[in-house]
C-alpha atoms as a PDB file:
ATOM      1  CA  MET A   1       3.230 -22.760  23.561  1.00  0.00           C
ATOM      2  CA  LYS A   2       0.405 -21.708  25.829  1.00  0.00           C
ATOM      3  CA  ILE A   3      -1.157 -18.070  24.703  1.00  0.00           C
ATOM      4  CA  LEU A   4      -3.812 -15.981  26.799  1.00  0.00           C
ATOM      5  CA  VAL A   5      -5.695 -14.339  24.123  1.00  0.00           C
ATOM      6  CA  THR A   6      -8.207 -11.688  25.962  1.00  0.00           C
ATOM      7  CA  GLY A   7     -10.881 -10.475  24.360  1.00  0.00           C
ATOM      8  CA  GLY A   8     -10.917 -13.497  22.138  1.00  0.00           C
ATOM      9  CA  ALA A   9     -14.905 -14.231  21.951  1.00  0.00           C
ATOM     10  CA  GLY A  10     -15.023 -10.760  20.086  1.00  0.00           C
ATOM     11  CA  PHE A  11     -15.249 -10.229  16.330  1.00  0.00           C
ATOM     12  CA  ILE A  12     -11.155 -10.152  15.634  1.00  0.00           C
ATOM     13  CA  GLY A  13     -10.356 -12.250  18.438  1.00  0.00           C
ATOM     14  CA  SER A  14     -12.746 -15.092  17.390  1.00  0.00           C
ATOM     15  CA  ASN A  15     -11.255 -15.401  14.229  1.00  0.00           C
ATOM     16  CA  PHE A  16      -7.581 -14.932  15.277  1.00  0.00           C
ATOM     17  CA  ILE A  17      -8.146 -17.709  17.499  1.00  0.00           C
ATOM     18  CA  HIS A  18      -9.556 -20.060  14.257  1.00  0.00           C
ATOM     19  CA  TYR A  19      -6.760 -18.765  12.281  1.00  0.00           C
ATOM     20  CA  TRP A  20      -3.840 -19.605  14.971  1.00  0.00           C
ATOM     21  CA  LEU A  21      -5.013 -23.002  15.589  1.00  0.00           C
ATOM     22  CA  GLU A  22      -5.325 -24.151  12.690  1.00  0.00           C
ATOM     23  CA  LYS A  23      -1.929 -22.792  11.674  1.00  0.00           C
ATOM     24  CA  HIS A  24      -0.054 -23.879  14.850  1.00  0.00           C
ATOM     25  CA  PRO A  25      -2.215 -26.979  16.333  1.00  0.00           C
ATOM     26  CA  ASP A  26       0.420 -27.770  18.789  1.00  0.00           C
ATOM     27  CA  ASP A  27       0.265 -24.518  20.620  1.00  0.00           C
ATOM     28  CA  GLU A  28      -2.461 -23.780  23.356  1.00  0.00           C
ATOM     29  CA  ILE A  29      -5.135 -20.798  23.428  1.00  0.00           C
ATOM     30  CA  ILE A  30      -6.621 -19.886  26.710  1.00  0.00           C
ATOM     31  CA  ASN A  31      -9.462 -17.546  25.816  1.00  0.00           C
ATOM     32  CA  PHE A  32     -10.125 -14.918  29.146  1.00  0.00           C
ATOM     33  CA  ASP A  33     -13.647 -12.842  27.826  1.00  0.00           C
ATOM     34  CA  LEU A  34     -16.351 -11.082  30.108  1.00  0.00           C
ATOM     35  CA  LEU A  35     -18.563 -11.695  27.392  1.00  0.00           C
ATOM     36  CA  THR A  36     -20.013  -8.646  27.161  1.00  0.00           C
ATOM     37  CA  TYR A  37     -22.475  -7.582  24.208  1.00  0.00           C
ATOM     38  CA  ALA A  38     -19.865  -7.935  21.546  1.00  0.00           C
ATOM     39  CA  GLY A  39     -18.544 -11.433  22.996  1.00  0.00           C
ATOM     40  CA  HIS A  40     -20.016 -14.509  21.227  1.00  0.00           C
ATOM     41  CA  LEU A  41     -19.118 -17.974  22.379  1.00  0.00           C
ATOM     42  CA  GLU A  42     -20.992 -19.144  19.173  1.00  0.00           C
ATOM     43  CA  SER A  43     -18.107 -17.865  16.880  1.00  0.00           C
ATOM     44  CA  LEU A  44     -16.169 -20.252  18.438  1.00  0.00           C
ATOM     45  CA  GLU A  45     -18.557 -23.312  18.425  1.00  0.00           C
ATOM     46  CA  SER A  46     -16.672 -25.223  15.796  1.00  0.00           C
ATOM     47  CA  ILE A  47     -13.752 -25.625  18.213  1.00  0.00           C
ATOM     48  CA  LYS A  48     -14.972 -25.912  21.477  1.00  0.00           C
ATOM     49  CA  ASP A  49     -14.247 -29.366  22.061  1.00  0.00           C
ATOM     50  CA  ASN A  50     -10.577 -28.892  20.251  1.00  0.00           C
ATOM     51  CA  PRO A  51      -7.942 -30.018  23.588  1.00  0.00           C
ATOM     52  CA  HIS A  52      -5.725 -27.156  22.519  1.00  0.00           C
ATOM     53  CA  TYR A  53      -8.636 -24.312  23.595  1.00  0.00           C
ATOM     54  CA  SER A  54     -10.145 -23.451  26.565  1.00  0.00           C
ATOM     55  CA  PHE A  55     -12.551 -20.690  27.841  1.00  0.00           C
ATOM     56  CA  ILE A  56     -12.502 -18.608  30.695  1.00  0.00           C
ATOM     57  CA  LYS A  57     -14.772 -16.221  31.729  1.00  0.00           C
ATOM     58  CA  GLY A  58     -13.106 -13.029  33.095  1.00  0.00           C
ATOM     59  CA  ASP A  59     -12.646  -9.383  33.332  1.00  0.00           C
ATOM     60  CA  ILE A  60      -9.250  -7.843  32.493  1.00  0.00           C
ATOM     61  CA  THR A  61      -9.935  -5.258  35.086  1.00  0.00           C
ATOM     62  CA  ASP A  62      -9.944  -7.775  37.622  1.00  0.00           C
ATOM     63  CA  ALA A  63      -6.246  -8.159  39.189  1.00  0.00           C
ATOM     64  CA  LYS A  64      -6.670 -11.359  40.914  1.00  0.00           C
ATOM     65  CA  ALA A  65      -8.631 -13.092  38.148  1.00  0.00           C
ATOM     66  CA  VAL A  66      -6.014 -12.005  35.588  1.00  0.00           C
ATOM     67  CA  ASP A  67      -3.584 -13.051  37.696  1.00  0.00           C
ATOM     68  CA  GLU A  68      -4.499 -16.338  38.132  1.00  0.00           C
ATOM     69  CA  VAL A  69      -4.782 -16.974  34.775  1.00  0.00           C
ATOM     70  CA  VAL A  70      -1.834 -15.354  33.599  1.00  0.00           C
ATOM     71  CA  SER A  71       0.254 -17.293  36.052  1.00  0.00           C
ATOM     72  CA  LYS A  72      -0.534 -20.353  33.363  1.00  0.00           C
ATOM     73  CA  VAL A  73       0.590 -19.108  30.264  1.00  0.00           C
ATOM     74  CA  ASP A  74       4.031 -18.121  28.215  1.00  0.00           C
ATOM     75  CA  ALA A  75       2.754 -15.510  26.356  1.00  0.00           C
ATOM     76  CA  ILE A  76      -0.026 -12.625  25.778  1.00  0.00           C
ATOM     77  CA  ILE A  77      -2.297 -11.367  22.966  1.00  0.00           C
ATOM     78  CA  HIS A  78      -4.110  -8.504  24.057  1.00  0.00           C
ATOM     79  CA  PHE A  79      -7.201  -7.758  22.201  1.00  0.00           C
ATOM     80  CA  ALA A  80     -10.127  -7.411  24.870  1.00  0.00           C
ATOM     81  CA  ALA A  81     -11.286  -3.894  24.434  1.00  0.00           C
ATOM     82  CA  GLU A  82     -14.213  -1.415  24.124  1.00  0.00           C
ATOM     83  CA  SER A  83     -14.456  -0.866  20.780  1.00  0.00           C
ATOM     84  CA  HIS A  84     -17.517   1.115  19.192  1.00  0.00           C
ATOM     85  CA  VAL A  85     -17.143   4.950  18.836  1.00  0.00           C
ATOM     86  CA  ASP A  86     -20.715   5.216  19.315  1.00  0.00           C
ATOM     87  CA  ARG A  87     -20.880   3.573  22.649  1.00  0.00           C
ATOM     88  CA  SER A  88     -18.066   5.959  23.613  1.00  0.00           C
ATOM     89  CA  ILE A  89     -19.295   8.926  23.490  1.00  0.00           C
ATOM     90  CA  LEU A  90     -22.715   7.290  25.343  1.00  0.00           C
ATOM     91  CA  ASP A  91     -20.492   6.253  28.153  1.00  0.00           C
ATOM     92  CA  PRO A  92     -16.822   7.476  28.246  1.00  0.00           C
ATOM     93  CA  LEU A  93     -16.000   5.826  31.450  1.00  0.00           C
ATOM     94  CA  ILE A  94     -16.484   2.118  30.511  1.00  0.00           C
ATOM     95  CA  PHE A  95     -13.656   2.970  28.048  1.00  0.00           C
ATOM     96  CA  THR A  96     -11.710   4.258  30.409  1.00  0.00           C
ATOM     97  CA  LYS A  97     -11.888   1.106  32.745  1.00  0.00           C
ATOM     98  CA  THR A  98     -11.334  -1.521  30.395  1.00  0.00           C
ATOM     99  CA  ASN A  99      -9.095   0.121  27.313  1.00  0.00           C
ATOM    100  CA  ILE A 100      -6.554   1.599  30.425  1.00  0.00           C
ATOM    101  CA  ILE A 101      -6.854   0.273  33.385  1.00  0.00           C
ATOM    102  CA  GLY A 102      -7.583  -2.989  32.148  1.00  0.00           C
ATOM    103  CA  THR A 103      -4.347  -2.964  30.242  1.00  0.00           C
ATOM    104  CA  GLN A 104      -2.374  -1.790  33.058  1.00  0.00           C
ATOM    105  CA  ILE A 105      -3.828  -4.853  35.021  1.00  0.00           C
ATOM    106  CA  LEU A 106      -2.593  -6.900  32.236  1.00  0.00           C
ATOM    107  CA  LEU A 107       0.950  -5.853  31.875  1.00  0.00           C
ATOM    108  CA  GLU A 108       1.383  -5.771  35.797  1.00  0.00           C
ATOM    109  CA  ALA A 109       0.567  -9.505  35.756  1.00  0.00           C
ATOM    110  CA  ALA A 110       2.807  -9.703  32.616  1.00  0.00           C
ATOM    111  CA  LYS A 111       5.756  -8.366  34.474  1.00  0.00           C
ATOM    112  CA  LYS A 112       5.131 -10.308  37.494  1.00  0.00           C
ATOM    113  CA  PHE A 113       4.880 -13.849  35.926  1.00  0.00           C
ATOM    114  CA  GLY A 114       7.088 -12.894  33.619  1.00  0.00           C
ATOM    115  CA  ILE A 115       5.868 -13.815  30.244  1.00  0.00           C
ATOM    116  CA  LYS A 116       7.835 -13.740  27.461  1.00  0.00           C
ATOM    117  CA  LYS A 117       5.770 -12.039  24.971  1.00  0.00           C
ATOM    118  CA  PHE A 118       2.599  -9.381  25.035  1.00  0.00           C
ATOM    119  CA  HIS A 119       1.405  -8.406  21.902  1.00  0.00           C
ATOM    120  CA  HIS A 120      -1.131  -5.674  21.702  1.00  0.00           C
ATOM    121  CA  VAL A 121      -4.116  -5.043  19.212  1.00  0.00           C
ATOM    122  CA  SER A 122      -4.320  -1.438  19.065  1.00  0.00           C
ATOM    123  CA  THR A 123      -6.017   0.708  16.449  1.00  0.00           C
ATOM    124  CA  ASP A 124      -5.085   3.612  13.897  1.00  0.00           C
ATOM    125  CA  GLU A 125      -7.780   6.548  15.546  1.00  0.00           C
ATOM    126  CA  VAL A 126      -5.316   7.056  18.076  1.00  0.00           C
ATOM    127  CA  PHE A 127      -3.452   9.048  14.924  1.00  0.00           C
ATOM    128  CA  GLY A 128      -6.856  11.424  14.598  1.00  0.00           C
ATOM    129  CA  ALA A 129      -7.815  11.841  11.040  1.00  0.00           C
ATOM    130  CA  LEU A 130      -6.705  13.134   7.831  1.00  0.00           C
ATOM    131  CA  PRO A 131      -8.105  15.661   5.535  1.00  0.00           C
ATOM    132  CA  LEU A 132     -10.425  14.269   2.417  1.00  0.00           C
ATOM    133  CA  ASP A 133      -8.152  16.361  -0.184  1.00  0.00           C
ATOM    134  CA  SER A 134      -5.326  14.429   0.886  1.00  0.00           C
ATOM    135  CA  ASP A 135      -2.631  11.352  -0.263  1.00  0.00           C
ATOM    136  CA  THR A 136      -1.341  11.374   3.445  1.00  0.00           C
ATOM    137  CA  LYS A 137      -1.316   8.085   5.435  1.00  0.00           C
ATOM    138  CA  PHE A 138      -0.752   7.114   9.330  1.00  0.00           C
ATOM    139  CA  ASN A 139       2.470   5.458   9.711  1.00  0.00           C
ATOM    140  CA  GLU A 140       4.736   4.472  12.512  1.00  0.00           C
ATOM    141  CA  GLU A 141       5.813   7.726  13.254  1.00  0.00           C
ATOM    142  CA  THR A 142       2.294   9.983  12.889  1.00  0.00           C
ATOM    143  CA  SER A 143       1.911  11.874  16.339  1.00  0.00           C
ATOM    144  CA  TYR A 144      -1.081  10.800  18.186  1.00  0.00           C
ATOM    145  CA  ASN A 145      -4.034  12.683  18.293  1.00  0.00           C
ATOM    146  CA  PRO A 146      -7.278  11.005  19.566  1.00  0.00           C
ATOM    147  CA  HIS A 147     -10.688  12.764  18.486  1.00  0.00           C
ATOM    148  CA  SER A 148     -12.852  10.388  20.514  1.00  0.00           C
ATOM    149  CA  PRO A 149     -13.350   8.758  23.961  1.00  0.00           C
ATOM    150  CA  TYR A 150     -12.683   5.163  22.257  1.00  0.00           C
ATOM    151  CA  ALA A 151      -9.378   6.696  20.510  1.00  0.00           C
ATOM    152  CA  ALA A 152      -8.113   7.887  23.641  1.00  0.00           C
ATOM    153  CA  SER A 153      -8.743   5.407  25.610  1.00  0.00           C
ATOM    154  CA  LYS A 154      -6.561   3.216  23.498  1.00  0.00           C
ATOM    155  CA  ALA A 155      -4.219   5.699  22.841  1.00  0.00           C
ATOM    156  CA  SER A 156      -3.331   5.863  26.474  1.00  0.00           C
ATOM    157  CA  SER A 157      -3.137   1.989  26.738  1.00  0.00           C
ATOM    158  CA  ASP A 158      -0.586   2.176  23.856  1.00  0.00           C
ATOM    159  CA  HIS A 159       1.514   4.761  26.080  1.00  0.00           C
ATOM    160  CA  LEU A 160       1.221   1.834  29.041  1.00  0.00           C
ATOM    161  CA  VAL A 161       2.177  -1.028  26.980  1.00  0.00           C
ATOM    162  CA  ARG A 162       5.489   1.023  25.887  1.00  0.00           C
ATOM    163  CA  ALA A 163       6.155   2.401  29.067  1.00  0.00           C
ATOM    164  CA  TYR A 164       5.871  -1.189  30.771  1.00  0.00           C
ATOM    165  CA  HIS A 165       8.927  -1.991  28.121  1.00  0.00           C
ATOM    166  CA  ASP A 166      11.105   1.363  28.767  1.00  0.00           C
ATOM    167  CA  THR A 167      10.585   0.764  32.302  1.00  0.00           C
ATOM    168  CA  PHE A 168      10.375  -2.637  33.253  1.00  0.00           C
ATOM    169  CA  GLY A 169      11.717  -4.671  30.064  1.00  0.00           C
ATOM    170  CA  ILE A 170       8.448  -6.310  29.159  1.00  0.00           C
ATOM    171  CA  SER A 171       8.871  -8.077  25.844  1.00  0.00           C
ATOM    172  CA  VAL A 172       6.130  -6.185  23.868  1.00  0.00           C
ATOM    173  CA  THR A 173       4.926  -5.535  20.415  1.00  0.00           C
ATOM    174  CA  ILE A 174       2.297  -3.207  19.186  1.00  0.00           C
ATOM    175  CA  THR A 175      -0.200  -3.262  16.207  1.00  0.00           C
ATOM    176  CA  ASN A 176      -1.993  -0.213  15.097  1.00  0.00           C
ATOM    177  CA  CYS A 177      -4.968  -1.992  12.429  1.00  0.00           C
ATOM    178  CA  SER A 178      -7.302  -0.164  10.268  1.00  0.00           C
ATOM    179  CA  ASN A 179     -11.038  -0.638  10.239  1.00  0.00           C
ATOM    180  CA  ASN A 180     -11.937  -4.570   9.896  1.00  0.00           C
ATOM    181  CA  PHE A 181     -14.489  -6.525   8.377  1.00  0.00           C
ATOM    182  CA  GLY A 182     -14.913 -10.291   7.904  1.00  0.00           C
ATOM    183  CA  PRO A 183     -17.402 -12.757   9.641  1.00  0.00           C
ATOM    184  CA  TYR A 184     -18.703 -12.793  13.039  1.00  0.00           C
ATOM    185  CA  GLN A 185     -18.757  -9.098  13.515  1.00  0.00           C
ATOM    186  CA  ASP A 186     -21.486  -7.770  15.881  1.00  0.00           C
ATOM    187  CA  PRO A 187     -24.038  -6.219  13.524  1.00  0.00           C
ATOM    188  CA  GLU A 188     -23.741  -3.252  15.619  1.00  0.00           C
ATOM    189  CA  LYS A 189     -20.609  -2.360  13.150  1.00  0.00           C
ATOM    190  CA  PHE A 190     -21.107  -0.294   9.799  1.00  0.00           C
ATOM    191  CA  MET A 191     -20.162  -3.200   7.532  1.00  0.00           C
ATOM    192  CA  PRO A 192     -22.219  -5.729   9.208  1.00  0.00           C
ATOM    193  CA  ARG A 193     -25.313  -3.463  10.031  1.00  0.00           C
ATOM    194  CA  MET A 194     -25.419  -2.373   6.307  1.00  0.00           C
ATOM    195  CA  ILE A 195     -25.589  -5.982   4.943  1.00  0.00           C
ATOM    196  CA  THR A 196     -28.191  -7.502   7.593  1.00  0.00           C
ATOM    197  CA  ASN A 197     -29.983  -4.203   7.229  1.00  0.00           C
ATOM    198  CA  LEU A 198     -30.359  -5.074   3.516  1.00  0.00           C
ATOM    199  CA  LEU A 199     -30.809  -8.616   4.185  1.00  0.00           C
ATOM    200  CA  SER A 200     -33.594  -7.698   6.701  1.00  0.00           C
ATOM    201  CA  GLY A 201     -35.254  -5.477   4.328  1.00  0.00           C
ATOM    202  CA  GLN A 202     -34.608  -2.262   5.815  1.00  0.00           C
ATOM    203  CA  LYS A 203     -32.431   0.670   4.004  1.00  0.00           C
ATOM    204  CA  VAL A 204     -28.615   1.257   4.900  1.00  0.00           C
ATOM    205  CA  LYS A 205     -28.179   4.610   7.233  1.00  0.00           C
ATOM    206  CA  VAL A 206     -25.381   6.268   5.983  1.00  0.00           C
ATOM    207  CA  TYR A 207     -23.944   9.513   8.295  1.00  0.00           C
ATOM    208  CA  GLY A 208     -23.826  12.928   7.347  1.00  0.00           C
ATOM    209  CA  ASP A 209     -22.850  13.032   3.573  1.00  0.00           C
ATOM    210  CA  GLY A 210     -21.124   9.627   3.069  1.00  0.00           C
ATOM    211  CA  LYS A 211     -17.751  10.395   2.558  1.00  0.00           C
ATOM    212  CA  TYR A 212     -16.040   9.611   5.461  1.00  0.00           C
ATOM    213  CA  VAL A 213     -12.890   7.287   4.002  1.00  0.00           C
ATOM    214  CA  ARG A 214     -11.884   4.307   6.094  1.00  0.00           C
ATOM    215  CA  ASP A 215      -9.138   1.830   5.548  1.00  0.00           C
ATOM    216  CA  TRP A 216     -10.587  -1.620   5.561  1.00  0.00           C
ATOM    217  CA  LEU A 217      -8.758  -4.411   6.046  1.00  0.00           C
ATOM    218  CA  HIS A 218     -10.227  -7.938   6.618  1.00  0.00           C
ATOM    219  CA  VAL A 219      -9.845  -9.745   9.680  1.00  0.00           C
ATOM    220  CA  LEU A 220      -7.824 -12.745   8.341  1.00  0.00           C
ATOM    221  CA  ASP A 221      -5.287 -10.522   6.792  1.00  0.00           C
ATOM    222  CA  HIS A 222      -5.148  -8.978  10.144  1.00  0.00           C
ATOM    223  CA  ALA A 223      -4.488 -12.301  11.672  1.00  0.00           C
ATOM    224  CA  ARG A 224      -1.250 -13.188   9.522  1.00  0.00           C
ATOM    225  CA  ALA A 225      -0.131  -9.394  10.260  1.00  0.00           C
ATOM    226  CA  ILE A 226      -0.632 -10.200  14.132  1.00  0.00           C
ATOM    227  CA  GLU A 227       1.195 -13.757  13.767  1.00  0.00           C
ATOM    228  CA  MET A 228       3.921 -12.464  12.143  1.00  0.00           C
ATOM    229  CA  VAL A 229       4.541  -9.427  14.291  1.00  0.00           C
ATOM    230  CA  PHE A 230       4.497 -11.894  16.867  1.00  0.00           C
ATOM    231  CA  LEU A 231       6.693 -14.308  16.136  1.00  0.00           C
ATOM    232  CA  ASN A 232       9.036 -12.425  14.329  1.00  0.00           C
ATOM    233  CA  ALA A 233       8.857  -8.756  14.948  1.00  0.00           C
ATOM    234  CA  ALA A 234      11.881  -7.389  17.146  1.00  0.00           C
ATOM    235  CA  GLN A 235      10.671  -6.594  20.822  1.00  0.00           C
ATOM    236  CA  GLY A 236       9.314  -2.698  21.352  1.00  0.00           C
ATOM    237  CA  SER A 237       8.419  -2.509  17.689  1.00  0.00           C
ATOM    238  CA  THR A 238       5.018  -1.123  16.659  1.00  0.00           C
ATOM    239  CA  TYR A 239       3.915  -1.574  12.982  1.00  0.00           C
ATOM    240  CA  CYS A 240       1.014  -0.175  11.062  1.00  0.00           C
ATOM    241  CA  VAL A 241      -1.449  -2.440   9.297  1.00  0.00           C
ATOM    242  CA  GLY A 242      -3.921  -1.215   6.614  1.00  0.00           C
ATOM    243  CA  GLY A 243      -5.641  -3.157   3.835  1.00  0.00           C
ATOM    244  CA  MET A 244      -6.126  -0.956   1.339  1.00  0.00           C
ATOM    245  CA  THR A 245      -4.042   0.690  -2.138  1.00  0.00           C
ATOM    246  CA  LYS A 246      -6.752   3.516  -2.784  1.00  0.00           C
ATOM    247  CA  ASP A 247      -9.431   5.259  -0.725  1.00  0.00           C
ATOM    248  CA  VAL A 248     -13.056   4.076  -0.464  1.00  0.00           C
ATOM    249  CA  ASN A 249     -15.666   6.416   1.189  1.00  0.00           C
ATOM    250  CA  ASN A 250     -18.442   4.942   3.178  1.00  0.00           C
ATOM    251  CA  LEU A 251     -21.299   5.776   0.544  1.00  0.00           C
ATOM    252  CA  GLU A 252     -19.066   3.410  -2.273  1.00  0.00           C
ATOM    253  CA  VAL A 253     -19.059   0.668   0.243  1.00  0.00           C
ATOM    254  CA  ALA A 254     -22.852   0.843   0.482  1.00  0.00           C
ATOM    255  CA  GLN A 255     -22.869   1.135  -2.996  1.00  0.00           C
ATOM    256  CA  LYS A 256     -21.069  -1.772  -3.375  1.00  0.00           C
ATOM    257  CA  VAL A 257     -22.754  -4.014  -0.578  1.00  0.00           C
ATOM    258  CA  ILE A 258     -26.415  -2.796  -2.589  1.00  0.00           C
ATOM    259  CA  LYS A 259     -24.884  -4.076  -5.822  1.00  0.00           C
ATOM    260  CA  LEU A 260     -23.851  -7.215  -4.346  1.00  0.00           C
ATOM    261  CA  LEU A 261     -27.576  -8.009  -3.219  1.00  0.00           C
ATOM    262  CA  GLY A 262     -28.608  -6.849  -6.224  1.00  0.00           C
ATOM    263  CA  LYS A 263     -30.791  -4.133  -4.636  1.00  0.00           C
ATOM    264  CA  SER A 264     -32.000  -1.093  -6.007  1.00  0.00           C
ATOM    265  CA  GLU A 265     -29.535   1.909  -4.872  1.00  0.00           C
ATOM    266  CA  SER A 266     -32.558   4.267  -4.939  1.00  0.00           C
ATOM    267  CA  GLU A 267     -34.094   2.752  -2.803  1.00  0.00           C
ATOM    268  CA  SER A 268     -31.766   1.096  -0.224  1.00  0.00           C
ATOM    269  CA  ILE A 269     -30.077   4.451   1.433  1.00  0.00           C
ATOM    270  CA  GLU A 270     -30.856   6.690   4.049  1.00  0.00           C
ATOM    271  CA  PHE A 271     -28.548   9.374   5.179  1.00  0.00           C
ATOM    272  CA  VAL A 272     -29.006   9.959   8.852  1.00  0.00           C
ATOM    273  CA  THR A 273     -27.773  12.931  11.077  1.00  0.00           C
ATOM    274  CA  ASP A 274     -23.407  12.974  11.757  1.00  0.00           C
ATOM    275  CA  ARG A 275     -22.613  11.738  14.554  1.00  0.00           C
ATOM    276  CA  PRO A 276     -19.998  14.033  17.050  1.00  0.00           C
ATOM    277  CA  GLY A 277     -16.169  14.136  15.958  1.00  0.00           C
ATOM    278  CA  HIS A 278     -16.492  12.028  13.228  1.00  0.00           C
ATOM    279  CA  ASP A 279     -13.169  11.827  11.870  1.00  0.00           C
ATOM    280  CA  ARG A 280     -13.136  12.283   7.899  1.00  0.00           C
ATOM    281  CA  ARG A 281     -10.291  10.245   6.643  1.00  0.00           C
ATOM    282  CA  TYR A 282      -8.064   7.375   7.768  1.00  0.00           C
ATOM    283  CA  ALA A 283      -5.600   5.592   5.434  1.00  0.00           C
ATOM    284  CA  VAL A 284      -2.559   3.305   6.765  1.00  0.00           C
ATOM    285  CA  ASP A 285       0.957   3.229   5.278  1.00  0.00           C
ATOM    286  CA  TRP A 286       1.669  -0.611   5.950  1.00  0.00           C
ATOM    287  CA  THR A 287       5.136  -0.424   4.241  1.00  0.00           C
ATOM    288  CA  LYS A 288       7.152  -0.975   7.340  1.00  0.00           C
ATOM    289  CA  ILE A 289       5.846  -4.334   7.944  1.00  0.00           C
ATOM    290  CA  ASN A 290       5.802  -5.559   4.541  1.00  0.00           C
ATOM    291  CA  LYS A 291       9.615  -4.386   4.253  1.00  0.00           C
ATOM    292  CA  ASP A 292      10.357  -5.757   7.149  1.00  0.00           C
ATOM    293  CA  LEU A 293       8.162  -9.037   7.439  1.00  0.00           C
ATOM    294  CA  GLY A 294       6.730  -9.364   4.166  1.00  0.00           C
ATOM    295  CA  TRP A 295       3.126  -9.001   4.943  1.00  0.00           C
ATOM    296  CA  GLU A 296       0.617  -7.813   2.315  1.00  0.00           C
ATOM    297  CA  PRO A 297      -2.901  -7.942   2.147  1.00  0.00           C
ATOM    298  CA  GLN A 298      -4.012 -11.647   0.595  1.00  0.00           C
ATOM    299  CA  TYR A 299      -6.670 -10.602  -1.355  1.00  0.00           C
ATOM    300  CA  ASP A 300      -8.261  -7.057  -2.672  1.00  0.00           C
ATOM    301  CA  PHE A 301     -11.143  -5.213  -1.013  1.00  0.00           C
ATOM    302  CA  ASP A 302     -13.694  -6.012  -3.369  1.00  0.00           C
ATOM    303  CA  SER A 303     -12.613  -9.834  -3.203  1.00  0.00           C
ATOM    304  CA  TRP A 304     -12.912 -10.019   0.523  1.00  0.00           C
ATOM    305  CA  LEU A 305     -16.232  -7.489   0.519  1.00  0.00           C
ATOM    306  CA  GLU A 306     -17.985 -10.113  -1.651  1.00  0.00           C
ATOM    307  CA  LYS A 307     -16.666 -12.947   0.881  1.00  0.00           C
ATOM    308  CA  THR A 308     -17.660 -11.550   3.899  1.00  0.00           C
ATOM    309  CA  VAL A 309     -21.410 -10.452   2.403  1.00  0.00           C
ATOM    310  CA  LYS A 310     -21.648 -14.042   1.270  1.00  0.00           C
ATOM    311  CA  TRP A 311     -21.291 -15.131   4.616  1.00  0.00           C
ATOM    312  CA  TYR A 312     -24.097 -12.967   6.170  1.00  0.00           C
ATOM    313  CA  GLN A 313     -26.065 -14.422   3.644  1.00  0.00           C
ATOM    314  CA  GLU A 314     -25.313 -18.234   4.968  1.00  0.00           C
ATOM    315  CA  ASN A 315     -25.376 -17.566   8.423  1.00  0.00           C
ATOM    316  CA  GLU A 316     -28.480 -15.710   9.505  1.00  0.00           C
ATOM    317  CA  SER A 317     -28.890 -17.881  12.279  1.00  0.00           C
ATOM    318  CA  TRP A 318     -25.647 -16.160  13.995  1.00  0.00           C
ATOM    319  CA  TRP A 319     -26.540 -12.308  13.636  1.00  0.00           C
ATOM    320  CA  LYS A 320     -30.521 -12.503  13.391  1.00  0.00           C
ATOM    321  CA  PRO A 321     -30.867 -13.071  17.272  1.00  0.00           C
ATOM    322  CA  LEU A 322     -28.048 -10.165  17.472  1.00  0.00           C
ATOM    323  CA  LYS A 323     -29.746  -7.675  15.705  1.00  0.00           C
ATOM    324  CA  GLU A 324     -32.326  -6.187  17.652  1.00  0.00           C
ATOM    325  CA  LYS A 325     -30.025  -5.642  20.817  1.00  0.00           C
ATOM    326  CA  SER A 326     -27.520  -4.120  18.155  1.00  0.00           C
ATOM    327  CA  GLU A 327     -30.116  -1.788  16.900  1.00  0.00           C
ATOM    328  CA  SER A 328     -30.459  -0.024  20.371  1.00  0.00           C
ATOM    329  CA  ILE A 329     -27.491   1.897  20.504  1.00  0.00           C
ATOM    330  CA  TYR A 330     -28.361   3.936  17.422  1.00  0.00           C
ATOM    331  CA  LYS A 331     -31.531   4.541  18.954  1.00  0.00           C
ATOM    332  CA  LYS A 332     -29.859   6.644  22.061  1.00  0.00           C
END
């Protein structure tokens, strides 16, 4: 099978390409990425000479470029997106353009060239937020209620994917995942920013009271979930993918990382002004994907967190050149 992976130089996309080529060595992957601030070809350095992998620099909002590459493939796995909530507050328009218009252009190309499978990677943030004092979780029947420009743009893209399936018969699947973490994640995101700050002798920056809860999913567990849905799920279906069975808040995550690095908690945390529209709690019910496809997280959060911290300790040459640029977003 020849697969187009959009956004394959990003965090989740690059990890997915590594995973797919290891598990499916006879398939061909074309990585289509614009290489914005979040795209790093260094994350794919070890496979750049693999004859089953190729890279094309391109923009999913460029219909001509999209048509040219889609005409060469059998299937599409769509990661490409603007994905940082803080950036969406500063510049909502680029999120509308990339996440909505870019997805629509890809769907048009899929329709035009008879693509066999179109998998859309989305987020649990389309569902809004849950109260802290609740045991409720997001699932496939949860109503959409996005709170940030980022979440709204991803919600819109989800609706477009379903509309193209219902109206034009495009063969689609969707996954709505929780917060990912793992290797090759840009240091401007919460988990790697925290780790690299501590490794650089700086403090962890914690928004508000630190009691915001996120459902953490390791990126390789996410890759496994996409693989199962892409290969085995019924067309038109949606699956929620989460990694947790118990809530953990941001402050607790910070404390875990500080302990893993042997730092002093009292000297390592700085509480900073909260961001606008900050969702209080996310939690994902992954019962459906477990029941239908047999997926579940492979390791517990603490095990994956320790592996992630170790990766950043051992790969300073990857993240250090990105660190100064990544911090500039928070100065705005």
